[in-house]
Amino acid sequence: MPAAITVTRAVNTVGWGYIHLRASHQWDPAMARRHVIDLALNGLTTPTSDGTNRPYDLEINSGRY
């Protein structure tokens, strides 16, 4: 994937996500920052029985649901 697309996706996810949480949900700055950065760096994950995390879509596609 071209670097420009990766950067555009990251900037929009972090920037607009933060603005949305602050303006629409009145989250305090530290909480919005922490959750947006966590999503950007870790994606959607679910805890596993061994205490590690794995991508959320693998949990859905595992056939257990």
C-alpha atoms as a PDB file:
ATOM      1  CA  MET A   1       0.000   0.000   0.000  1.00  0.00           C
ATOM      2  CA  PRO A   2       1.416   3.430  -0.873  1.00  0.00           C
ATOM      3  CA  ALA A   3       2.690   5.444   2.085  1.00  0.00           C
ATOM      4  CA  ALA A   4       0.373   8.353   1.247  1.00  0.00           C
ATOM      5  CA  ILE A   5      -2.686   6.142   1.654  1.00  0.00           C
ATOM      6  CA  THR A   6      -1.416   4.718   4.932  1.00  0.00           C
ATOM      7  CA  VAL A   7      -0.742   8.206   6.287  1.00  0.00           C
ATOM      8  CA  THR A   8      -4.145   9.479   5.128  1.00  0.00           C
ATOM      9  CA  ARG A   9      -5.911   6.601   6.863  1.00  0.00           C
ATOM     10  CA  ALA A  10      -3.965   7.090  10.086  1.00  0.00           C
ATOM     11  CA  VAL A  11      -4.448  10.860  10.207  1.00  0.00           C
ATOM     12  CA  ASN A  12      -8.177  10.611   9.528  1.00  0.00           C
ATOM     13  CA  THR A  13      -8.736   7.797  12.037  1.00  0.00           C
ATOM     14  CA  VAL A  14      -6.864   9.542  14.824  1.00  0.00           C
ATOM     15  CA  GLY A  15      -7.849  13.137  14.058  1.00  0.00           C
ATOM     16  CA  TRP A  16     -11.535  12.682  13.346  1.00  0.00           C
ATOM     17  CA  GLY A  17     -11.928   9.977  15.985  1.00  0.00           C
ATOM     18  CA  TYR A  18     -10.516  12.284  18.641  1.00  0.00           C
ATOM     19  CA  ILE A  19     -12.632  15.252  17.504  1.00  0.00           C
ATOM     20  CA  HIS A  20     -15.787  13.120  17.438  1.00  0.00           C
ATOM     21  CA  LEU A  21     -15.276  11.723  20.942  1.00  0.00           C
ATOM     22  CA  ARG A  22     -14.511  15.169  22.378  1.00  0.00           C
ATOM     23  CA  ALA A  23     -17.266  17.137  20.605  1.00  0.00           C
ATOM     24  CA  SER A  24     -20.114  14.633  20.329  1.00  0.00           C
ATOM     25  CA  HIS A  25     -19.598  12.595  23.480  1.00  0.00           C
ATOM     26  CA  GLN A  26     -17.878  15.182  25.716  1.00  0.00           C
ATOM     27  CA  TRP A  27     -15.017  12.816  26.587  1.00  0.00           C
ATOM     28  CA  ASP A  28     -12.197  14.495  28.471  1.00  0.00           C
ATOM     29  CA  PRO A  29      -8.976  14.995  26.447  1.00  0.00           C
ATOM     30  CA  ALA A  30      -6.919  12.290  28.179  1.00  0.00           C
ATOM     31  CA  MET A  31      -9.600   9.616  27.791  1.00  0.00           C
ATOM     32  CA  ALA A  32     -10.241  10.444  24.119  1.00  0.00           C
ATOM     33  CA  ARG A  33      -6.515  10.493  23.374  1.00  0.00           C
ATOM     34  CA  ARG A  34      -5.887   7.175  25.140  1.00  0.00           C
ATOM     35  CA  HIS A  35      -8.693   5.340  23.351  1.00  0.00           C
ATOM     36  CA  VAL A  36      -8.017   6.766  19.894  1.00  0.00           C
ATOM     37  CA  ILE A  37      -4.308   5.958  20.123  1.00  0.00           C
ATOM     38  CA  ASP A  38      -5.088   2.455  21.407  1.00  0.00           C
ATOM     39  CA  LEU A  39      -7.396   1.835  18.448  1.00  0.00           C
ATOM     40  CA  ALA A  40      -4.872   3.222  15.964  1.00  0.00           C
ATOM     41  CA  LEU A  41      -1.972   1.164  17.338  1.00  0.00           C
ATOM     42  CA  ASN A  42      -3.739  -2.055  18.335  1.00  0.00           C
ATOM     43  CA  GLY A  43      -6.859  -2.164  16.191  1.00  0.00           C
ATOM     44  CA  LEU A  44      -9.911  -4.047  17.384  1.00  0.00           C
ATOM     45  CA  THR A  45      -8.785  -6.995  19.454  1.00  0.00           C
ATOM     46  CA  THR A  46     -10.371  -9.402  21.873  1.00  0.00           C
ATOM     47  CA  PRO A  47      -8.683 -10.997  24.874  1.00  0.00           C
ATOM     48  CA  THR A  48      -7.988 -14.713  24.551  1.00  0.00           C
ATOM     49  CA  SER A  49      -7.974 -17.305  27.301  1.00  0.00           C
ATOM     50  CA  ASP A  50      -4.181 -17.096  27.566  1.00  0.00           C
ATOM     51  CA  GLY A  51      -4.302 -13.352  28.283  1.00  0.00           C
ATOM     52  CA  THR A  52      -3.074 -12.212  24.869  1.00  0.00           C
ATOM     53  CA  ASN A  53      -5.075 -10.269  22.321  1.00  0.00           C
ATOM     54  CA  ARG A  54      -5.887 -11.188  18.765  1.00  0.00           C
ATOM     55  CA  PRO A  55      -7.634  -9.322  15.950  1.00  0.00           C
ATOM     56  CA  TYR A  56     -11.367  -9.041  16.489  1.00  0.00           C
ATOM     57  CA  ASP A  57     -12.277 -10.391  13.057  1.00  0.00           C
ATOM     58  CA  LEU A  58     -10.455 -13.660  13.781  1.00  0.00           C
ATOM     59  CA  GLU A  59     -12.716 -14.146  16.791  1.00  0.00           C
ATOM     60  CA  ILE A  60     -15.828 -13.612  14.670  1.00  0.00           C
ATOM     61  CA  ASN A  61     -14.605 -15.848  11.839  1.00  0.00           C
ATOM     62  CA  SER A  62     -13.502 -18.668  14.144  1.00  0.00           C
ATOM     63  CA  GLY A  63     -16.865 -20.404  13.834  1.00  0.00           C
ATOM     64  CA  ARG A  64     -17.588 -20.029  17.555  1.00  0.00           C
ATOM     65  CA  TYR A  65     -20.354 -17.456  16.953  1.00  0.00           C
END
